[in-house]
Amino acid sequence: MNLAGIVSLAGVSDLKRAWALRLSDTVVANFLGEVRMKFRTASCRVPIEQLPLGIPQKLLHGTADINVPFEISRGYVSPRQHEEMQRT
């Protein structure tokens, strides 16, 4: 499948960070498995570790999100991209 781009709506793009923060209790461990997260073997499913993807991406995320902290999206975006996003 050829994708033209990706849009993430408050996505959890860094599952390891989400696991460390214990977002929604154990949802990440339930999705990936507690043992895999502890030993950092879940990289095949961690979006941030797949960068660069080679296609355009837009991340839409509110700064007041109480379920998925904005820092997760900010950490996914490189510093240069973050600056560009602030100008648009």
PDB file of N, CA and C in Angstrom:
ATOM      1  N   MET A   1       0.838  -1.161   0.000  1.00  0.00           N
ATOM      2  CA  MET A   1       0.000   0.000   0.000  1.00  0.00           C
ATOM      3  C   MET A   1       0.893   1.237   0.000  1.00  0.00           C
ATOM      4  N   ASN A   2       0.641   2.165  -0.878  1.00  0.00           N
ATOM      5  CA  ASN A   2       1.378   3.427  -0.927  1.00  0.00           C
ATOM      6  C   ASN A   2       0.568   4.497  -0.230  1.00  0.00           C
ATOM      7  N   LEU A   3       1.112   5.052   0.828  1.00  0.00           N
ATOM      8  CA  LEU A   3       0.440   6.106   1.573  1.00  0.00           C
ATOM      9  C   LEU A   3       0.955   7.467   1.136  1.00  0.00           C
ATOM     10  N   ALA A   4       0.047   8.434   1.047  1.00  0.00           N
ATOM     11  CA  ALA A   4       0.437   9.795   0.714  1.00  0.00           C
ATOM     12  C   ALA A   4       0.877  10.558   1.950  1.00  0.00           C
ATOM     13  N   GLY A   5       0.441  10.122   3.118  1.00  0.00           N
ATOM     14  CA  GLY A   5       0.799  10.794   4.365  1.00  0.00           C
ATOM     15  C   GLY A   5       0.066  10.160   5.532  1.00  0.00           C
ATOM     16  N   ILE A   6       0.367  10.657   6.727  1.00  0.00           N
ATOM     17  CA  ILE A   6      -0.222  10.145   7.961  1.00  0.00           C
ATOM     18  C   ILE A   6      -0.708  11.327   8.785  1.00  0.00           C
ATOM     19  N   VAL A   7      -1.879  11.170   9.401  1.00  0.00           N
ATOM     20  CA  VAL A   7      -2.401  12.154  10.341  1.00  0.00           C
ATOM     21  C   VAL A   7      -2.621  11.447  11.668  1.00  0.00           C
ATOM     22  N   SER A   8      -2.049  11.992  12.726  1.00  0.00           N
ATOM     23  CA  SER A   8      -2.199  11.442  14.070  1.00  0.00           C
ATOM     24  C   SER A   8      -3.028  12.410  14.897  1.00  0.00           C
ATOM     25  N   LEU A   9      -4.093  11.919  15.487  1.00  0.00           N
ATOM     26  CA  LEU A   9      -4.936  12.740  16.359  1.00  0.00           C
ATOM     27  C   LEU A   9      -4.659  12.358  17.809  1.00  0.00           C
ATOM     28  N   ALA A  10      -3.829  13.157  18.467  1.00  0.00           N
ATOM     29  CA  ALA A  10      -3.428  12.904  19.857  1.00  0.00           C
ATOM     30  C   ALA A  10      -2.906  11.487  20.025  1.00  0.00           C
ATOM     31  N   GLY A  11      -2.128  11.043  19.065  1.00  0.00           N
ATOM     32  CA  GLY A  11      -1.621   9.681  19.077  1.00  0.00           C
ATOM     33  C   GLY A  11      -0.565   9.434  20.140  1.00  0.00           C
ATOM     34  N   VAL A  12      -0.478   8.203  20.548  1.00  0.00           N
ATOM     35  CA  VAL A  12       0.563   7.792  21.489  1.00  0.00           C
ATOM     36  C   VAL A  12       1.734   7.295  20.645  1.00  0.00           C
ATOM     37  N   SER A  13       2.544   8.225  20.190  1.00  0.00           N
ATOM     38  CA  SER A  13       3.626   7.911  19.252  1.00  0.00           C
ATOM     39  C   SER A  13       4.874   7.370  19.931  1.00  0.00           C
ATOM     40  N   ASP A  14       4.936   7.454  21.239  1.00  0.00           N
ATOM     41  CA  ASP A  14       6.064   6.899  21.983  1.00  0.00           C
ATOM     42  C   ASP A  14       5.508   5.987  23.068  1.00  0.00           C
ATOM     43  N   LEU A  15       5.357   4.720  22.731  1.00  0.00           N
ATOM     44  CA  LEU A  15       4.746   3.772  23.654  1.00  0.00           C
ATOM     45  C   LEU A  15       5.614   3.517  24.881  1.00  0.00           C
ATOM     46  N   LYS A  16       6.912   3.597  24.729  1.00  0.00           N
ATOM     47  CA  LYS A  16       7.788   3.400  25.892  1.00  0.00           C
ATOM     48  C   LYS A  16       7.609   4.528  26.906  1.00  0.00           C
ATOM     49  N   ARG A  17       7.494   5.751  26.419  1.00  0.00           N
ATOM     50  CA  ARG A  17       7.251   6.891  27.320  1.00  0.00           C
ATOM     51  C   ARG A  17       5.879   6.765  27.969  1.00  0.00           C
ATOM     52  N   ALA A  18       4.887   6.362  27.191  1.00  0.00           N
ATOM     53  CA  ALA A  18       3.536   6.172  27.732  1.00  0.00           C
ATOM     54  C   ALA A  18       3.536   5.093  28.808  1.00  0.00           C
ATOM     55  N   TRP A  19       4.308   4.035  28.588  1.00  0.00           N
ATOM     56  CA  TRP A  19       4.412   2.959  29.580  1.00  0.00           C
ATOM     57  C   TRP A  19       5.072   3.481  30.845  1.00  0.00           C
ATOM     58  N   ALA A  20       6.130   4.272  30.683  1.00  0.00           N
ATOM     59  CA  ALA A  20       6.826   4.826  31.844  1.00  0.00           C
ATOM     60  C   ALA A  20       5.919   5.752  32.654  1.00  0.00           C
ATOM     61  N   LEU A  21       5.043   6.480  31.962  1.00  0.00           N
ATOM     62  CA  LEU A  21       4.110   7.390  32.631  1.00  0.00           C
ATOM     63  C   LEU A  21       2.879   6.661  33.172  1.00  0.00           C
ATOM     64  N   ARG A  22       2.749   5.387  32.824  1.00  0.00           N
ATOM     65  CA  ARG A  22       1.592   4.574  33.227  1.00  0.00           C
ATOM     66  C   ARG A  22       0.271   5.200  32.768  1.00  0.00           C
ATOM     67  N   LEU A  23       0.258   5.659  31.508  1.00  0.00           N
ATOM     68  CA  LEU A  23      -0.967   6.240  30.964  1.00  0.00           C
ATOM     69  C   LEU A  23      -2.090   5.212  30.969  1.00  0.00           C
ATOM     70  N   SER A  24      -3.261   5.641  31.376  1.00  0.00           N
ATOM     71  CA  SER A  24      -4.441   4.772  31.430  1.00  0.00           C
ATOM     72  C   SER A  24      -4.127   3.456  32.136  1.00  0.00           C
ATOM     73  N   ASP A  25      -3.434   3.577  33.230  1.00  0.00           N
ATOM     74  CA  ASP A  25      -3.030   2.423  34.040  1.00  0.00           C
ATOM     75  C   ASP A  25      -2.116   1.494  33.252  1.00  0.00           C
ATOM     76  N   THR A  26      -2.626   0.395  32.767  1.00  0.00           N
ATOM     77  CA  THR A  26      -1.761  -0.605  32.118  1.00  0.00           C
ATOM     78  C   THR A  26      -2.071  -0.800  30.639  1.00  0.00           C
ATOM     79  N   VAL A  27      -2.646   0.192  29.988  1.00  0.00           N
ATOM     80  CA  VAL A  27      -3.077   0.003  28.600  1.00  0.00           C
ATOM     81  C   VAL A  27      -1.920  -0.355  27.666  1.00  0.00           C
ATOM     82  N   VAL A  28      -0.756   0.262  27.837  1.00  0.00           N
ATOM     83  CA  VAL A  28       0.377  -0.048  26.962  1.00  0.00           C
ATOM     84  C   VAL A  28       0.879  -1.462  27.222  1.00  0.00           C
ATOM     85  N   ALA A  29       0.988  -1.825  28.481  1.00  0.00           N
ATOM     86  CA  ALA A  29       1.417  -3.186  28.814  1.00  0.00           C
ATOM     87  C   ALA A  29       0.405  -4.202  28.295  1.00  0.00           C
ATOM     88  N   ASN A  30      -0.874  -3.864  28.374  1.00  0.00           N
ATOM     89  CA  ASN A  30      -1.896  -4.767  27.846  1.00  0.00           C
ATOM     90  C   ASN A  30      -1.752  -4.930  26.336  1.00  0.00           C
ATOM     91  N   PHE A  31      -1.390  -3.842  25.656  1.00  0.00           N
ATOM     92  CA  PHE A  31      -1.252  -3.862  24.202  1.00  0.00           C
ATOM     93  C   PHE A  31       0.010  -4.601  23.765  1.00  0.00           C
ATOM     94  N   LEU A  32       1.133  -4.316  24.420  1.00  0.00           N
ATOM     95  CA  LEU A  32       2.418  -4.875  24.000  1.00  0.00           C
ATOM     96  C   LEU A  32       2.915  -6.026  24.858  1.00  0.00           C
ATOM     97  N   GLY A  33       2.450  -6.078  26.068  1.00  0.00           N
ATOM     98  CA  GLY A  33       2.938  -7.091  26.989  1.00  0.00           C
ATOM     99  C   GLY A  33       3.925  -6.490  27.964  1.00  0.00           C
ATOM    100  N   GLU A  34       3.682  -6.669  29.238  1.00  0.00           N
ATOM    101  CA  GLU A  34       4.511  -6.088  30.297  1.00  0.00           C
ATOM    102  C   GLU A  34       5.981  -6.484  30.175  1.00  0.00           C
ATOM    103  N   VAL A  35       6.249  -7.735  29.914  1.00  0.00           N
ATOM    104  CA  VAL A  35       7.633  -8.208  29.843  1.00  0.00           C
ATOM    105  C   VAL A  35       8.363  -7.549  28.679  1.00  0.00           C
ATOM    106  N   ARG A  36       7.719  -7.441  27.529  1.00  0.00           N
ATOM    107  CA  ARG A  36       8.363  -6.813  26.365  1.00  0.00           C
ATOM    108  C   ARG A  36       8.716  -5.368  26.658  1.00  0.00           C
ATOM    109  N   MET A  37       7.845  -4.641  27.355  1.00  0.00           N
ATOM    110  CA  MET A  37       8.133  -3.243  27.657  1.00  0.00           C
ATOM    111  C   MET A  37       9.280  -3.138  28.663  1.00  0.00           C
ATOM    112  N   LYS A  38       9.311  -3.987  29.662  1.00  0.00           N
ATOM    113  CA  LYS A  38      10.375  -3.927  30.666  1.00  0.00           C
ATOM    114  C   LYS A  38      11.741  -4.150  30.042  1.00  0.00           C
ATOM    115  N   PHE A  39      11.817  -5.034  29.086  1.00  0.00           N
ATOM    116  CA  PHE A  39      13.097  -5.359  28.476  1.00  0.00           C
ATOM    117  C   PHE A  39      13.325  -4.642  27.152  1.00  0.00           C
ATOM    118  N   ARG A  40      12.453  -3.667  26.856  1.00  0.00           N
ATOM    119  CA  ARG A  40      12.626  -2.808  25.668  1.00  0.00           C
ATOM    120  C   ARG A  40      12.709  -3.605  24.367  1.00  0.00           C
ATOM    121  N   THR A  41      11.882  -4.614  24.233  1.00  0.00           N
ATOM    122  CA  THR A  41      11.915  -5.420  23.015  1.00  0.00           C
ATOM    123  C   THR A  41      10.720  -5.141  22.115  1.00  0.00           C
ATOM    124  N   ALA A  42      10.018  -4.056  22.372  1.00  0.00           N
ATOM    125  CA  ALA A  42       8.804  -3.771  21.621  1.00  0.00           C
ATOM    126  C   ALA A  42       9.037  -2.784  20.485  1.00  0.00           C
ATOM    127  N   SER A  43      10.268  -2.570  20.051  1.00  0.00           N
ATOM    128  CA  SER A  43      10.566  -1.515  19.082  1.00  0.00           C
ATOM    129  C   SER A  43       9.831  -1.680  17.762  1.00  0.00           C
ATOM    130  N   CYS A  44       9.463  -2.890  17.395  1.00  0.00           N
ATOM    131  CA  CYS A  44       8.759  -3.076  16.130  1.00  0.00           C
ATOM    132  C   CYS A  44       7.389  -2.403  16.134  1.00  0.00           C
ATOM    133  N   ARG A  45       6.876  -2.073  17.305  1.00  0.00           N
ATOM    134  CA  ARG A  45       5.562  -1.447  17.410  1.00  0.00           C
ATOM    135  C   ARG A  45       5.618  -0.035  17.964  1.00  0.00           C
ATOM    136  N   VAL A  46       6.785   0.503  18.158  1.00  0.00           N
ATOM    137  CA  VAL A  46       6.924   1.825  18.740  1.00  0.00           C
ATOM    138  C   VAL A  46       7.172   2.827  17.615  1.00  0.00           C
ATOM    139  N   PRO A  47       6.163   3.649  17.281  1.00  0.00           N
ATOM    140  CA  PRO A  47       6.292   4.567  16.135  1.00  0.00           C
ATOM    141  C   PRO A  47       7.536   5.450  16.163  1.00  0.00           C
ATOM    142  N   ILE A  48       7.896   5.989  17.313  1.00  0.00           N
ATOM    143  CA  ILE A  48       9.029   6.914  17.377  1.00  0.00           C
ATOM    144  C   ILE A  48      10.331   6.230  16.968  1.00  0.00           C
ATOM    145  N   GLU A  49      10.414   4.919  17.130  1.00  0.00           N
ATOM    146  CA  GLU A  49      11.635   4.192  16.768  1.00  0.00           C
ATOM    147  C   GLU A  49      11.654   3.782  15.296  1.00  0.00           C
ATOM    148  N   GLN A  50      10.618   4.127  14.560  1.00  0.00           N
ATOM    149  CA  GLN A  50      10.549   3.810  13.140  1.00  0.00           C
ATOM    150  C   GLN A  50      10.911   5.014  12.268  1.00  0.00           C
ATOM    151  N   LEU A  51      11.232   6.144  12.891  1.00  0.00           N
ATOM    152  CA  LEU A  51      11.537   7.358  12.135  1.00  0.00           C
ATOM    153  C   LEU A  51      12.881   7.261  11.445  1.00  0.00           C
ATOM    154  N   PRO A  52      13.053   7.889  10.305  1.00  0.00           N
ATOM    155  CA  PRO A  52      12.025   8.606   9.548  1.00  0.00           C
ATOM    156  C   PRO A  52      11.159   7.635   8.749  1.00  0.00           C
ATOM    157  N   LEU A  53       9.914   7.984   8.595  1.00  0.00           N
ATOM    158  CA  LEU A  53       8.984   7.112   7.871  1.00  0.00           C
ATOM    159  C   LEU A  53       9.041   7.314   6.360  1.00  0.00           C
ATOM    160  N   GLY A  54       9.531   8.461   5.953  1.00  0.00           N
ATOM    161  CA  GLY A  54       9.671   8.717   4.518  1.00  0.00           C
ATOM    162  C   GLY A  54       8.406   9.233   3.850  1.00  0.00           C
ATOM    163  N   ILE A  55       7.391   9.571   4.635  1.00  0.00           N
ATOM    164  CA  ILE A  55       6.172  10.178   4.095  1.00  0.00           C
ATOM    165  C   ILE A  55       5.765  11.329   5.010  1.00  0.00           C
ATOM    166  N   PRO A  56       5.013  12.311   4.476  1.00  0.00           N
ATOM    167  CA  PRO A  56       4.592  13.446   5.303  1.00  0.00           C
ATOM    168  C   PRO A  56       3.715  13.000   6.470  1.00  0.00           C
ATOM    169  N   GLN A  57       3.894  13.693   7.599  1.00  0.00           N
ATOM    170  CA  GLN A  57       3.104  13.402   8.789  1.00  0.00           C
ATOM    171  C   GLN A  57       2.596  14.698   9.398  1.00  0.00           C
ATOM    172  N   LYS A  58       1.381  14.663   9.907  1.00  0.00           N
ATOM    173  CA  LYS A  58       0.806  15.780  10.659  1.00  0.00           C
ATOM    174  C   LYS A  58       0.351  15.222  11.994  1.00  0.00           C
ATOM    175  N   LEU A  59       0.790  15.841  13.064  1.00  0.00           N
ATOM    176  CA  LEU A  59       0.370  15.452  14.404  1.00  0.00           C
ATOM    177  C   LEU A  59      -0.513  16.559  14.954  1.00  0.00           C
ATOM    178  N   LEU A  60      -1.729  16.216  15.292  1.00  0.00           N
ATOM    179  CA  LEU A  60      -2.669  17.159  15.892  1.00  0.00           C
ATOM    180  C   LEU A  60      -2.859  16.734  17.341  1.00  0.00           C
ATOM    181  N   HIS A  61      -2.521  17.631  18.258  1.00  0.00           N
ATOM    182  CA  HIS A  61      -2.557  17.268  19.669  1.00  0.00           C
ATOM    183  C   HIS A  61      -2.777  18.518  20.512  1.00  0.00           C
ATOM    184  N   GLY A  62      -3.799  18.517  21.338  1.00  0.00           N
ATOM    185  CA  GLY A  62      -4.081  19.650  22.215  1.00  0.00           C
ATOM    186  C   GLY A  62      -3.141  19.691  23.404  1.00  0.00           C
ATOM    187  N   THR A  63      -2.732  20.877  23.791  1.00  0.00           N
ATOM    188  CA  THR A  63      -1.798  21.012  24.905  1.00  0.00           C
ATOM    189  C   THR A  63      -2.453  20.730  26.249  1.00  0.00           C
ATOM    190  N   ALA A  64      -3.770  20.727  26.309  1.00  0.00           N
ATOM    191  CA  ALA A  64      -4.478  20.471  27.573  1.00  0.00           C
ATOM    192  C   ALA A  64      -4.998  19.035  27.662  1.00  0.00           C
ATOM    193  N   ASP A  65      -4.525  18.157  26.808  1.00  0.00           N
ATOM    194  CA  ASP A  65      -4.964  16.754  26.807  1.00  0.00           C
ATOM    195  C   ASP A  65      -4.647  16.121  28.163  1.00  0.00           C
ATOM    196  N   ILE A  66      -5.648  15.549  28.820  1.00  0.00           N
ATOM    197  CA  ILE A  66      -5.430  14.944  30.130  1.00  0.00           C
ATOM    198  C   ILE A  66      -5.182  13.442  30.046  1.00  0.00           C
ATOM    199  N   ASN A  67      -5.386  12.851  28.876  1.00  0.00           N
ATOM    200  CA  ASN A  67      -5.182  11.417  28.708  1.00  0.00           C
ATOM    201  C   ASN A  67      -3.826  11.063  28.115  1.00  0.00           C
ATOM    202  N   VAL A  68      -3.408  11.815  27.114  1.00  0.00           N
ATOM    203  CA  VAL A  68      -2.104  11.608  26.474  1.00  0.00           C
ATOM    204  C   VAL A  68      -1.372  12.949  26.539  1.00  0.00           C
ATOM    205  N   PRO A  69      -0.349  13.065  27.363  1.00  0.00           N
ATOM    206  CA  PRO A  69       0.350  14.344  27.504  1.00  0.00           C
ATOM    207  C   PRO A  69       0.903  14.851  26.167  1.00  0.00           C
ATOM    208  N   PHE A  70       0.807  16.154  25.979  1.00  0.00           N
ATOM    209  CA  PHE A  70       1.304  16.806  24.771  1.00  0.00           C
ATOM    210  C   PHE A  70       2.782  16.502  24.551  1.00  0.00           C
ATOM    211  N   GLU A  71       3.530  16.299  25.630  1.00  0.00           N
ATOM    212  CA  GLU A  71       4.974  16.029  25.528  1.00  0.00           C
ATOM    213  C   GLU A  71       5.267  14.813  24.661  1.00  0.00           C
ATOM    214  N   ILE A  72       4.341  13.865  24.575  1.00  0.00           N
ATOM    215  CA  ILE A  72       4.580  12.673  23.761  1.00  0.00           C
ATOM    216  C   ILE A  72       4.634  13.047  22.286  1.00  0.00           C
ATOM    217  N   SER A  73       3.718  13.891  21.831  1.00  0.00           N
ATOM    218  CA  SER A  73       3.768  14.338  20.436  1.00  0.00           C
ATOM    219  C   SER A  73       4.958  15.248  20.197  1.00  0.00           C
ATOM    220  N   ARG A  74       5.236  16.110  21.150  1.00  0.00           N
ATOM    221  CA  ARG A  74       6.373  17.027  20.999  1.00  0.00           C
ATOM    222  C   ARG A  74       7.680  16.248  20.888  1.00  0.00           C
ATOM    223  N   GLY A  75       7.821  15.203  21.663  1.00  0.00           N
ATOM    224  CA  GLY A  75       9.030  14.394  21.607  1.00  0.00           C
ATOM    225  C   GLY A  75       9.184  13.630  20.307  1.00  0.00           C
ATOM    226  N   TYR A  76       8.074  13.366  19.637  1.00  0.00           N
ATOM    227  CA  TYR A  76       8.087  12.643  18.368  1.00  0.00           C
ATOM    228  C   TYR A  76       8.591  13.534  17.235  1.00  0.00           C
ATOM    229  N   VAL A  77       8.301  14.808  17.359  1.00  0.00           N
ATOM    230  CA  VAL A  77       8.658  15.772  16.311  1.00  0.00           C
ATOM    231  C   VAL A  77      10.070  16.286  16.569  1.00  0.00           C
ATOM    232  N   SER A  78      10.890  16.325  15.533  1.00  0.00           N
ATOM    233  CA  SER A  78      12.254  16.839  15.688  1.00  0.00           C
ATOM    234  C   SER A  78      12.210  18.331  16.024  1.00  0.00           C
ATOM    235  N   PRO A  79      13.254  18.865  16.624  1.00  0.00           N
ATOM    236  CA  PRO A  79      13.278  20.293  16.954  1.00  0.00           C
ATOM    237  C   PRO A  79      13.025  21.192  15.739  1.00  0.00           C
ATOM    238  N   ARG A  80      13.593  20.849  14.592  1.00  0.00           N
ATOM    239  CA  ARG A  80      13.379  21.669  13.387  1.00  0.00           C
ATOM    240  C   ARG A  80      11.923  21.630  12.969  1.00  0.00           C
ATOM    241  N   GLN A  81      11.324  20.445  12.965  1.00  0.00           N
ATOM    242  CA  GLN A  81       9.917  20.330  12.595  1.00  0.00           C
ATOM    243  C   GLN A  81       9.031  21.074  13.589  1.00  0.00           C
ATOM    244  N   HIS A  82       9.373  21.020  14.869  1.00  0.00           N
ATOM    245  CA  HIS A  82       8.594  21.715  15.884  1.00  0.00           C
ATOM    246  C   HIS A  82       8.593  23.217  15.619  1.00  0.00           C
ATOM    247  N   GLU A  83       9.749  23.764  15.259  1.00  0.00           N
ATOM    248  CA  GLU A  83       9.828  25.192  14.943  1.00  0.00           C
ATOM    249  C   GLU A  83       8.976  25.530  13.729  1.00  0.00           C
ATOM    250  N   GLU A  84       9.016  24.683  12.697  1.00  0.00           N
ATOM    251  CA  GLU A  84       8.220  24.918  11.501  1.00  0.00           C
ATOM    252  C   GLU A  84       6.728  24.872  11.820  1.00  0.00           C
ATOM    253  N   MET A  85       6.326  23.939  12.672  1.00  0.00           N
ATOM    254  CA  MET A  85       4.918  23.819  13.043  1.00  0.00           C
ATOM    255  C   MET A  85       4.434  25.056  13.785  1.00  0.00           C
ATOM    256  N   GLN A  86       5.297  25.654  14.597  1.00  0.00           N
ATOM    257  CA  GLN A  86       4.915  26.843  15.351  1.00  0.00           C
ATOM    258  C   GLN A  86       4.672  28.043  14.436  1.00  0.00           C
ATOM    259  N   ARG A  87       5.330  28.060  13.274  1.00  0.00           N
ATOM    260  CA  ARG A  87       5.177  29.184  12.331  1.00  0.00           C
ATOM    261  C   ARG A  87       3.936  29.052  11.477  1.00  0.00           C
ATOM    262  N   THR A  88       3.362  27.851  11.351  1.00  0.00           N
ATOM    263  CA  THR A  88       2.200  27.666  10.476  1.00  0.00           C
ATOM    264  C   THR A  88       0.897  27.711  11.212  1.00  0.00           C
TER     265      THR A  88
END
